[in-house]
Amino acid sequence: MKMMKIKFVLLILVFPVVTFAQLDCSDFFKYRRAEAPYEYNSQSKSAVCVTGNTYEFVISLYEGHDYRMSFFASPVFNNDLTFKIIDMNTTSTVLNLPGESTTNEKGTCVLKSYFDLASGSSIHPYFDFFPASTTNLKIIIEVADIETAASTDGSYVSAVKEKGCVTVLILDTEAAKTGF
């Protein structure tokens, strides 16, 4: 009976740690709205990522649609990520930018907002794609190690692993008809 009580107490102590350790990155989409004429594209992804790892996935862009892509990351990563997009049809690199840049120039990073004088507001960076034919893009996200921690005796150094959400928000709209 005493052993049963000990197991029950341990279960109560461990259970909250396990349940609260889970991240729900899907909640991120609740806070992002598409602005006309763009609509939310179901290829948008949000996932739990760990420092020191690389993640990749493929999306399809279709002729007759215009696409707008934005990237978001949890503060735990300190914007120390690299975003790369490769056109799988031509194997050319379409985008290769850091999460944050030291400059405030438009298009130099993917996470740091900048002030747009024309609109008079802060703009989160986005990237527009206008495919002339159906194409596949491979999105590669490299999450850097945050910091290192030495053992108490100084014999080794290991990276501290942090978890957070990285989101790729894809919006699309029907392409405007051009020509005669």
N, C-alpha and C. Protein backbone atom coordinates (compact mmCIF):
# COMPACT_ATOMS: atom_id res chain seq x y z
N MET A 1 0.82 -1.19 0.00
CA MET A 1 0.00 0.00 0.00
C MET A 1 0.87 1.26 0.00
N LYS A 2 1.94 1.22 0.79
CA LYS A 2 2.83 2.36 0.86
C LYS A 2 3.49 2.60 -0.51
N MET A 3 3.86 1.52 -1.18
CA MET A 3 4.46 1.63 -2.51
C MET A 3 3.47 2.25 -3.50
N MET A 4 2.21 1.90 -3.38
CA MET A 4 1.17 2.44 -4.26
C MET A 4 1.04 3.95 -4.06
N LYS A 5 1.11 4.43 -2.81
CA LYS A 5 1.03 5.86 -2.52
C LYS A 5 2.22 6.60 -3.12
N ILE A 6 3.40 6.00 -3.03
CA ILE A 6 4.60 6.63 -3.59
C ILE A 6 4.48 6.75 -5.10
N LYS A 7 4.01 5.71 -5.76
CA LYS A 7 3.82 5.75 -7.21
C LYS A 7 2.80 6.82 -7.60
N PHE A 8 1.74 6.93 -6.83
CA PHE A 8 0.70 7.92 -7.11
C PHE A 8 1.25 9.34 -6.98
N VAL A 9 2.03 9.60 -5.93
CA VAL A 9 2.63 10.91 -5.72
C VAL A 9 3.61 11.23 -6.86
N LEU A 10 4.42 10.26 -7.25
CA LEU A 10 5.35 10.48 -8.36
C LEU A 10 4.61 10.77 -9.66
N LEU A 11 3.51 10.07 -9.89
CA LEU A 11 2.71 10.29 -11.09
C LEU A 11 2.16 11.71 -11.12
N ILE A 12 1.68 12.20 -9.98
CA ILE A 12 1.14 13.55 -9.89
C ILE A 12 2.24 14.59 -10.13
N LEU A 13 3.44 14.33 -9.62
CA LEU A 13 4.54 15.27 -9.80
C LEU A 13 5.06 15.28 -11.24
N VAL A 14 5.10 14.15 -11.90
CA VAL A 14 5.65 14.04 -13.25
C VAL A 14 4.64 14.46 -14.30
N PHE A 15 3.37 14.16 -14.13
CA PHE A 15 2.35 14.40 -15.15
C PHE A 15 2.26 15.85 -15.60
N PRO A 16 2.24 16.85 -14.69
CA PRO A 16 2.17 18.24 -15.16
C PRO A 16 3.38 18.65 -16.00
N VAL A 17 4.57 18.15 -15.67
CA VAL A 17 5.76 18.48 -16.43
C VAL A 17 5.63 17.98 -17.86
N VAL A 18 5.13 16.77 -18.02
CA VAL A 18 4.99 16.18 -19.34
C VAL A 18 3.93 16.91 -20.16
N THR A 19 2.80 17.22 -19.56
CA THR A 19 1.73 17.86 -20.34
C THR A 19 2.06 19.29 -20.71
N PHE A 20 2.77 20.03 -19.86
CA PHE A 20 3.08 21.41 -20.17
C PHE A 20 4.30 21.54 -21.08
N ALA A 21 5.06 20.47 -21.27
CA ALA A 21 6.23 20.52 -22.11
C ALA A 21 5.87 20.49 -23.60
N GLN A 22 4.64 20.15 -23.93
CA GLN A 22 4.21 20.08 -25.32
C GLN A 22 3.96 21.48 -25.87
N LEU A 23 4.39 21.70 -27.12
CA LEU A 23 4.13 22.96 -27.81
C LEU A 23 3.04 22.73 -28.85
N ASP A 24 2.15 23.68 -28.98
CA ASP A 24 1.11 23.60 -30.00
C ASP A 24 1.33 24.75 -30.97
N CYS A 25 2.04 24.46 -32.04
CA CYS A 25 2.37 25.50 -33.02
C CYS A 25 1.20 25.85 -33.92
N SER A 26 0.19 25.02 -33.96
CA SER A 26 -0.95 25.31 -34.83
C SER A 26 -1.72 26.55 -34.36
N ASP A 27 -1.59 26.90 -33.09
CA ASP A 27 -2.25 28.11 -32.57
C ASP A 27 -1.76 29.37 -33.25
N PHE A 28 -0.58 29.31 -33.84
CA PHE A 28 0.00 30.49 -34.45
C PHE A 28 -0.89 31.06 -35.55
N PHE A 29 -1.58 30.20 -36.28
CA PHE A 29 -2.39 30.67 -37.40
C PHE A 29 -3.61 31.48 -36.95
N LYS A 30 -3.98 31.38 -35.69
CA LYS A 30 -5.10 32.18 -35.18
C LYS A 30 -4.78 33.67 -35.22
N TYR A 31 -3.49 34.01 -35.15
CA TYR A 31 -3.08 35.41 -35.04
C TYR A 31 -2.67 36.03 -36.37
N ARG A 32 -2.71 35.28 -37.45
CA ARG A 32 -2.32 35.79 -38.76
C ARG A 32 -3.52 35.80 -39.68
N ARG A 33 -3.79 36.91 -40.28
CA ARG A 33 -4.94 37.05 -41.18
C ARG A 33 -4.44 37.41 -42.57
N ALA A 34 -5.09 36.84 -43.55
CA ALA A 34 -4.78 37.19 -44.93
C ALA A 34 -5.46 38.51 -45.26
N GLU A 35 -4.74 39.37 -45.99
CA GLU A 35 -5.32 40.64 -46.41
C GLU A 35 -5.66 40.54 -47.89
N ALA A 36 -6.83 41.06 -48.24
CA ALA A 36 -7.31 41.00 -49.63
C ALA A 36 -6.24 41.57 -50.55
N PRO A 37 -6.06 41.01 -51.69
CA PRO A 37 -6.82 39.94 -52.35
C PRO A 37 -6.33 38.54 -52.00
N TYR A 38 -5.36 38.42 -51.08
CA TYR A 38 -4.79 37.12 -50.75
C TYR A 38 -5.68 36.33 -49.80
N GLU A 39 -5.59 35.00 -49.92
CA GLU A 39 -6.30 34.08 -49.03
C GLU A 39 -5.29 33.08 -48.47
N TYR A 40 -5.63 32.51 -47.34
CA TYR A 40 -4.79 31.50 -46.70
C TYR A 40 -4.64 30.29 -47.61
N ASN A 41 -3.41 29.79 -47.77
CA ASN A 41 -3.13 28.60 -48.57
C ASN A 41 -2.88 27.43 -47.62
N SER A 42 -3.49 26.30 -47.91
CA SER A 42 -3.41 25.14 -47.02
C SER A 42 -2.01 24.52 -46.94
N GLN A 43 -1.08 24.94 -47.77
CA GLN A 43 0.29 24.44 -47.69
C GLN A 43 1.09 25.12 -46.58
N SER A 44 0.52 26.12 -45.93
CA SER A 44 1.18 26.77 -44.80
C SER A 44 1.50 25.73 -43.75
N LYS A 45 2.65 25.90 -43.11
CA LYS A 45 3.09 24.92 -42.11
C LYS A 45 3.58 25.64 -40.86
N SER A 46 3.35 25.00 -39.72
CA SER A 46 3.90 25.45 -38.46
C SER A 46 4.32 24.21 -37.70
N ALA A 47 5.56 24.18 -37.24
CA ALA A 47 6.07 22.97 -36.60
C ALA A 47 6.98 23.30 -35.43
N VAL A 48 7.09 22.34 -34.53
CA VAL A 48 8.04 22.45 -33.43
C VAL A 48 9.43 22.15 -34.00
N CYS A 49 10.36 23.06 -33.75
CA CYS A 49 11.73 22.89 -34.22
C CYS A 49 12.68 22.96 -33.03
N VAL A 50 13.84 22.35 -33.19
CA VAL A 50 14.84 22.29 -32.13
C VAL A 50 16.12 22.93 -32.63
N THR A 51 16.79 23.70 -31.79
CA THR A 51 18.03 24.35 -32.18
C THR A 51 19.05 23.32 -32.64
N GLY A 52 19.85 23.73 -33.62
CA GLY A 52 20.89 22.86 -34.14
C GLY A 52 20.42 21.91 -35.24
N ASN A 53 19.17 22.00 -35.65
CA ASN A 53 18.64 21.10 -36.66
C ASN A 53 18.26 21.86 -37.93
N THR A 54 18.13 21.09 -39.02
CA THR A 54 17.70 21.62 -40.30
C THR A 54 16.40 20.94 -40.69
N TYR A 55 15.47 21.72 -41.20
CA TYR A 55 14.15 21.21 -41.59
C TYR A 55 13.89 21.59 -43.03
N GLU A 56 13.22 20.72 -43.75
CA GLU A 56 12.87 21.05 -45.13
C GLU A 56 11.54 20.41 -45.51
N PHE A 57 10.84 21.09 -46.41
CA PHE A 57 9.61 20.55 -46.97
C PHE A 57 9.39 21.18 -48.33
N VAL A 58 8.53 20.56 -49.12
CA VAL A 58 8.30 20.97 -50.50
C VAL A 58 6.87 21.49 -50.64
N ILE A 59 6.74 22.60 -51.36
CA ILE A 59 5.40 23.14 -51.68
C ILE A 59 5.28 23.25 -53.20
N SER A 60 4.07 23.24 -53.67
CA SER A 60 3.81 23.38 -55.11
C SER A 60 3.16 24.73 -55.37
N LEU A 61 3.67 25.43 -56.38
CA LEU A 61 3.10 26.69 -56.82
C LEU A 61 2.53 26.45 -58.22
N TYR A 62 1.32 26.94 -58.45
CA TYR A 62 0.62 26.65 -59.69
C TYR A 62 0.48 27.89 -60.57
N GLU A 63 0.61 27.67 -61.86
CA GLU A 63 0.41 28.72 -62.84
C GLU A 63 -1.00 29.29 -62.67
N GLY A 64 -1.12 30.59 -62.83
CA GLY A 64 -2.42 31.24 -62.69
C GLY A 64 -2.71 31.74 -61.29
N HIS A 65 -1.74 31.56 -60.37
CA HIS A 65 -1.88 32.06 -58.99
C HIS A 65 -0.65 32.88 -58.63
N ASP A 66 -0.84 33.87 -57.80
CA ASP A 66 0.25 34.64 -57.23
C ASP A 66 0.34 34.24 -55.76
N TYR A 67 1.57 34.13 -55.24
CA TYR A 67 1.78 33.65 -53.88
C TYR A 67 2.57 34.68 -53.08
N ARG A 68 2.26 34.75 -51.80
CA ARG A 68 2.99 35.60 -50.86
C ARG A 68 3.39 34.71 -49.68
N MET A 69 4.68 34.73 -49.33
CA MET A 69 5.19 33.86 -48.28
C MET A 69 5.84 34.70 -47.18
N SER A 70 5.52 34.38 -45.92
CA SER A 70 6.12 35.04 -44.76
C SER A 70 6.60 33.97 -43.79
N PHE A 71 7.62 34.31 -43.00
CA PHE A 71 8.20 33.38 -42.03
C PHE A 71 8.10 33.98 -40.64
N PHE A 72 7.84 33.14 -39.66
CA PHE A 72 7.74 33.56 -38.27
C PHE A 72 8.44 32.52 -37.40
N ALA A 73 9.03 32.96 -36.28
CA ALA A 73 9.74 32.04 -35.39
C ALA A 73 9.54 32.45 -33.94
N SER A 74 9.54 31.47 -33.06
CA SER A 74 9.44 31.72 -31.62
C SER A 74 10.63 32.55 -31.14
N PRO A 75 10.42 33.40 -30.14
CA PRO A 75 11.52 34.23 -29.62
C PRO A 75 12.69 33.42 -29.06
N VAL A 76 12.45 32.17 -28.67
CA VAL A 76 13.51 31.36 -28.09
C VAL A 76 14.68 31.18 -29.06
N PHE A 77 14.44 31.29 -30.37
CA PHE A 77 15.50 31.13 -31.36
C PHE A 77 16.32 32.39 -31.56
N ASN A 78 15.91 33.50 -30.97
CA ASN A 78 16.63 34.77 -31.07
C ASN A 78 16.90 35.16 -32.52
N ASN A 79 15.96 34.80 -33.42
CA ASN A 79 16.05 35.10 -34.85
C ASN A 79 17.29 34.54 -35.53
N ASP A 80 17.96 33.58 -34.90
CA ASP A 80 19.18 32.99 -35.45
C ASP A 80 18.83 31.77 -36.29
N LEU A 81 18.18 32.02 -37.42
CA LEU A 81 17.76 30.99 -38.35
C LEU A 81 18.17 31.43 -39.75
N THR A 82 18.26 30.48 -40.66
CA THR A 82 18.49 30.79 -42.06
C THR A 82 17.39 30.15 -42.87
N PHE A 83 16.84 30.90 -43.80
CA PHE A 83 15.76 30.43 -44.65
C PHE A 83 16.26 30.37 -46.08
N LYS A 84 16.11 29.22 -46.70
CA LYS A 84 16.57 29.03 -48.07
C LYS A 84 15.43 28.40 -48.87
N ILE A 85 15.21 28.91 -50.08
CA ILE A 85 14.19 28.34 -50.96
C ILE A 85 14.88 27.98 -52.27
N ILE A 86 14.67 26.74 -52.70
CA ILE A 86 15.26 26.25 -53.94
C ILE A 86 14.14 25.85 -54.90
N ASP A 87 14.23 26.34 -56.14
CA ASP A 87 13.30 25.94 -57.20
C ASP A 87 13.73 24.54 -57.64
N MET A 88 12.90 23.55 -57.39
CA MET A 88 13.29 22.17 -57.69
C MET A 88 13.29 21.87 -59.19
N ASN A 89 12.61 22.68 -60.00
CA ASN A 89 12.62 22.47 -61.45
C ASN A 89 13.95 22.89 -62.06
N THR A 90 14.52 23.98 -61.55
CA THR A 90 15.77 24.51 -62.11
C THR A 90 16.96 24.32 -61.16
N THR A 91 16.73 23.88 -59.94
CA THR A 91 17.71 23.73 -58.86
C THR A 91 18.39 25.05 -58.49
N SER A 92 17.81 26.17 -58.89
CA SER A 92 18.38 27.47 -58.54
C SER A 92 17.88 27.92 -57.17
N THR A 93 18.71 28.68 -56.48
CA THR A 93 18.34 29.22 -55.19
C THR A 93 17.52 30.49 -55.41
N VAL A 94 16.32 30.50 -54.88
CA VAL A 94 15.41 31.64 -55.02
C VAL A 94 15.60 32.63 -53.88
N LEU A 95 15.86 32.11 -52.68
CA LEU A 95 16.01 32.94 -51.49
C LEU A 95 17.01 32.28 -50.56
N ASN A 96 17.90 33.06 -49.99
CA ASN A 96 18.85 32.56 -49.00
C ASN A 96 19.18 33.71 -48.07
N LEU A 97 18.36 33.85 -47.03
CA LEU A 97 18.49 34.99 -46.12
C LEU A 97 18.48 34.55 -44.67
N PRO A 98 19.13 35.34 -43.81
CA PRO A 98 19.09 35.04 -42.37
C PRO A 98 17.76 35.45 -41.76
N GLY A 99 17.50 34.94 -40.57
CA GLY A 99 16.29 35.30 -39.85
C GLY A 99 16.25 36.78 -39.56
N GLU A 100 17.38 37.36 -39.19
CA GLU A 100 17.44 38.79 -38.90
C GLU A 100 18.74 39.35 -39.45
N SER A 101 18.66 40.55 -39.95
CA SER A 101 19.81 41.23 -40.52
C SER A 101 20.15 42.44 -39.65
N THR A 102 21.38 42.88 -39.76
CA THR A 102 21.78 44.06 -38.98
C THR A 102 21.28 45.35 -39.63
N THR A 103 20.86 45.27 -40.88
CA THR A 103 20.33 46.45 -41.56
C THR A 103 18.81 46.43 -41.52
N ASN A 104 18.21 47.56 -41.77
CA ASN A 104 16.76 47.64 -41.83
C ASN A 104 16.26 47.71 -43.26
N GLU A 105 17.10 47.33 -44.20
CA GLU A 105 16.71 47.39 -45.61
C GLU A 105 15.67 46.33 -45.93
N LYS A 106 14.70 46.73 -46.72
CA LYS A 106 13.65 45.81 -47.15
C LYS A 106 14.28 44.63 -47.90
N GLY A 107 13.88 43.42 -47.53
CA GLY A 107 14.35 42.23 -48.24
C GLY A 107 15.68 41.67 -47.80
N THR A 108 16.27 42.17 -46.70
CA THR A 108 17.56 41.65 -46.26
C THR A 108 17.44 40.58 -45.19
N CYS A 109 16.25 40.34 -44.68
CA CYS A 109 16.03 39.30 -43.69
C CYS A 109 14.59 38.82 -43.81
N VAL A 110 14.25 37.78 -43.07
CA VAL A 110 12.90 37.24 -43.20
C VAL A 110 12.05 37.38 -41.94
N LEU A 111 12.62 37.83 -40.84
CA LEU A 111 11.86 37.91 -39.60
C LEU A 111 11.74 39.33 -39.04
N LYS A 112 12.62 40.22 -39.38
CA LYS A 112 12.63 41.54 -38.77
C LYS A 112 11.76 42.52 -39.55
N SER A 113 10.77 43.08 -38.89
CA SER A 113 9.89 44.05 -39.53
C SER A 113 10.64 45.34 -39.80
N TYR A 114 10.17 46.09 -40.78
CA TYR A 114 10.78 47.36 -41.12
C TYR A 114 9.68 48.41 -41.27
N PHE A 115 10.07 49.68 -41.15
CA PHE A 115 9.11 50.76 -41.27
C PHE A 115 9.03 51.19 -42.73
N ASP A 116 7.84 51.18 -43.30
CA ASP A 116 7.60 51.56 -44.68
C ASP A 116 7.10 53.00 -44.71
N LEU A 117 7.89 53.88 -45.30
CA LEU A 117 7.52 55.30 -45.35
C LEU A 117 6.25 55.55 -46.17
N ALA A 118 6.09 54.80 -47.25
CA ALA A 118 4.92 55.01 -48.12
C ALA A 118 3.61 54.73 -47.40
N SER A 119 3.56 53.65 -46.64
CA SER A 119 2.32 53.31 -45.92
C SER A 119 2.28 53.90 -44.51
N GLY A 120 3.45 54.30 -44.01
CA GLY A 120 3.50 54.85 -42.66
C GLY A 120 3.30 53.82 -41.57
N SER A 121 3.64 52.56 -41.87
CA SER A 121 3.45 51.51 -40.87
C SER A 121 4.60 50.50 -40.92
N SER A 122 4.64 49.70 -39.88
CA SER A 122 5.64 48.63 -39.80
C SER A 122 5.16 47.45 -40.63
N ILE A 123 6.06 46.89 -41.43
CA ILE A 123 5.73 45.79 -42.32
C ILE A 123 6.59 44.58 -41.98
N HIS A 124 5.94 43.42 -41.85
CA HIS A 124 6.69 42.18 -41.68
C HIS A 124 7.13 41.73 -43.07
N PRO A 125 8.39 41.33 -43.24
CA PRO A 125 8.86 40.94 -44.58
C PRO A 125 8.03 39.82 -45.19
N TYR A 126 7.81 39.92 -46.48
CA TYR A 126 7.13 38.86 -47.23
C TYR A 126 7.79 38.77 -48.60
N PHE A 127 7.58 37.65 -49.24
CA PHE A 127 8.20 37.38 -50.53
C PHE A 127 7.12 36.93 -51.49
N ASP A 128 7.05 37.60 -52.64
CA ASP A 128 6.03 37.31 -53.64
C ASP A 128 6.59 36.40 -54.73
N PHE A 129 5.77 35.46 -55.17
CA PHE A 129 6.14 34.55 -56.24
C PHE A 129 5.03 34.56 -57.29
N PHE A 130 5.44 34.67 -58.55
CA PHE A 130 4.50 34.70 -59.67
C PHE A 130 4.91 33.63 -60.68
N PRO A 131 4.58 32.37 -60.43
CA PRO A 131 5.06 31.29 -61.30
C PRO A 131 4.44 31.35 -62.70
N ALA A 132 5.30 31.23 -63.72
CA ALA A 132 4.84 31.20 -65.10
C ALA A 132 4.34 29.81 -65.46
N SER A 133 4.78 28.81 -64.71
CA SER A 133 4.30 27.44 -64.88
C SER A 133 4.32 26.78 -63.51
N THR A 134 3.67 25.64 -63.40
CA THR A 134 3.64 24.93 -62.12
C THR A 134 5.07 24.55 -61.73
N THR A 135 5.41 24.81 -60.48
CA THR A 135 6.75 24.51 -59.99
C THR A 135 6.70 24.06 -58.54
N ASN A 136 7.75 23.38 -58.11
CA ASN A 136 7.89 22.95 -56.72
C ASN A 136 9.04 23.71 -56.09
N LEU A 137 8.82 24.19 -54.89
CA LEU A 137 9.87 24.87 -54.13
C LEU A 137 10.20 24.06 -52.90
N LYS A 138 11.50 23.90 -52.64
CA LYS A 138 11.94 23.25 -51.41
C LYS A 138 12.33 24.35 -50.43
N ILE A 139 11.70 24.35 -49.27
CA ILE A 139 12.00 25.33 -48.23
C ILE A 139 12.89 24.65 -47.20
N ILE A 140 14.06 25.24 -46.96
CA ILE A 140 15.03 24.70 -46.01
C ILE A 140 15.20 25.72 -44.88
N ILE A 141 14.99 25.27 -43.66
CA ILE A 141 15.12 26.15 -42.49
C ILE A 141 16.19 25.57 -41.58
N GLU A 142 17.26 26.33 -41.38
CA GLU A 142 18.36 25.91 -40.50
C GLU A 142 18.25 26.70 -39.20
N VAL A 143 18.10 25.97 -38.10
CA VAL A 143 17.99 26.61 -36.79
C VAL A 143 19.33 26.45 -36.08
N ALA A 144 19.99 27.56 -35.81
CA ALA A 144 21.32 27.54 -35.20
C ALA A 144 21.25 27.13 -33.73
N ASP A 145 22.37 26.62 -33.22
CA ASP A 145 22.47 26.37 -31.78
C ASP A 145 22.45 27.70 -31.06
N ILE A 146 21.74 27.76 -29.93
CA ILE A 146 21.58 29.03 -29.20
C ILE A 146 22.83 29.38 -28.40
N GLU A 147 23.27 28.49 -27.59
CA GLU A 147 24.43 28.76 -26.74
C GLU A 147 25.04 27.44 -26.35
N THR A 148 26.19 27.48 -25.73
CA THR A 148 26.83 26.25 -25.28
C THR A 148 26.94 26.25 -23.78
N ALA A 149 27.00 25.06 -23.23
CA ALA A 149 27.13 24.91 -21.78
C ALA A 149 28.28 23.96 -21.50
N ALA A 150 29.18 24.34 -20.64
CA ALA A 150 30.32 23.50 -20.28
C ALA A 150 29.95 22.62 -19.10
N SER A 151 30.57 21.45 -19.05
CA SER A 151 30.34 20.58 -17.90
C SER A 151 30.99 21.22 -16.69
N THR A 152 30.62 20.74 -15.51
CA THR A 152 31.16 21.34 -14.28
C THR A 152 32.66 21.15 -14.17
N ASP A 153 33.19 20.07 -14.75
CA ASP A 153 34.64 19.87 -14.67
C ASP A 153 35.36 20.44 -15.91
N GLY A 154 34.62 21.04 -16.85
CA GLY A 154 35.22 21.66 -18.02
C GLY A 154 35.70 20.69 -19.07
N SER A 155 35.32 19.42 -18.98
CA SER A 155 35.82 18.40 -19.91
C SER A 155 35.14 18.44 -21.28
N TYR A 156 33.95 18.98 -21.40
CA TYR A 156 33.28 19.02 -22.70
C TYR A 156 32.36 20.24 -22.77
N VAL A 157 31.99 20.56 -23.97
CA VAL A 157 31.05 21.64 -24.22
C VAL A 157 29.92 21.07 -25.07
N SER A 158 28.70 21.34 -24.66
CA SER A 158 27.56 20.82 -25.43
C SER A 158 26.58 21.95 -25.71
N ALA A 159 25.86 21.81 -26.82
CA ALA A 159 24.87 22.82 -27.18
C ALA A 159 23.62 22.65 -26.33
N VAL A 160 23.02 23.76 -25.97
CA VAL A 160 21.76 23.75 -25.26
C VAL A 160 20.66 23.64 -26.31
N LYS A 161 19.79 22.65 -26.17
CA LYS A 161 18.71 22.44 -27.13
C LYS A 161 17.45 23.15 -26.65
N GLU A 162 16.93 24.00 -27.52
CA GLU A 162 15.69 24.73 -27.22
C GLU A 162 14.65 24.36 -28.25
N LYS A 163 13.39 24.31 -27.83
CA LYS A 163 12.28 24.03 -28.74
C LYS A 163 11.45 25.28 -28.92
N GLY A 164 10.94 25.45 -30.13
CA GLY A 164 10.06 26.56 -30.42
C GLY A 164 9.35 26.31 -31.73
N CYS A 165 8.50 27.23 -32.10
CA CYS A 165 7.72 27.09 -33.33
C CYS A 165 8.34 27.90 -34.46
N VAL A 166 8.33 27.33 -35.63
CA VAL A 166 8.69 28.03 -36.86
C VAL A 166 7.51 27.87 -37.79
N THR A 167 7.08 28.98 -38.38
CA THR A 167 5.89 28.97 -39.23
C THR A 167 6.21 29.55 -40.59
N VAL A 168 5.73 28.88 -41.61
CA VAL A 168 5.78 29.37 -42.98
C VAL A 168 4.34 29.64 -43.38
N LEU A 169 4.00 30.91 -43.53
CA LEU A 169 2.64 31.32 -43.89
C LEU A 169 2.61 31.58 -45.39
N ILE A 170 1.75 30.85 -46.08
CA ILE A 170 1.63 30.98 -47.53
C ILE A 170 0.23 31.50 -47.85
N LEU A 171 0.19 32.59 -48.59
CA LEU A 171 -1.08 33.16 -49.04
C LEU A 171 -1.09 33.10 -50.56
N ASP A 172 -2.28 33.02 -51.14
CA ASP A 172 -2.35 33.04 -52.60
C ASP A 172 -3.59 33.77 -53.07
N THR A 173 -3.56 34.14 -54.34
CA THR A 173 -4.68 34.79 -54.99
C THR A 173 -4.63 34.41 -56.47
N GLU A 174 -5.75 34.51 -57.11
CA GLU A 174 -5.78 34.25 -58.55
C GLU A 174 -5.01 35.36 -59.24
N ALA A 175 -4.14 34.97 -60.18
CA ALA A 175 -3.32 35.96 -60.89
C ALA A 175 -4.20 36.87 -61.74
N ALA A 176 -3.81 38.12 -61.81
CA ALA A 176 -4.54 39.08 -62.64
C ALA A 176 -4.36 38.72 -64.10
N LYS A 177 -5.42 38.87 -64.85
CA LYS A 177 -5.35 38.58 -66.29
C LYS A 177 -4.57 39.72 -66.95
N THR A 178 -3.59 39.36 -67.76
CA THR A 178 -2.80 40.36 -68.45
C THR A 178 -2.86 40.16 -69.96
N GLY A 179 -2.59 41.16 -70.69
CA GLY A 179 -2.59 41.07 -72.15
C GLY A 179 -3.95 41.39 -72.73
N PHE A 180 -4.10 41.15 -74.02
CA PHE A 180 -5.36 41.46 -74.72
C PHE A 180 -6.32 40.31 -74.67
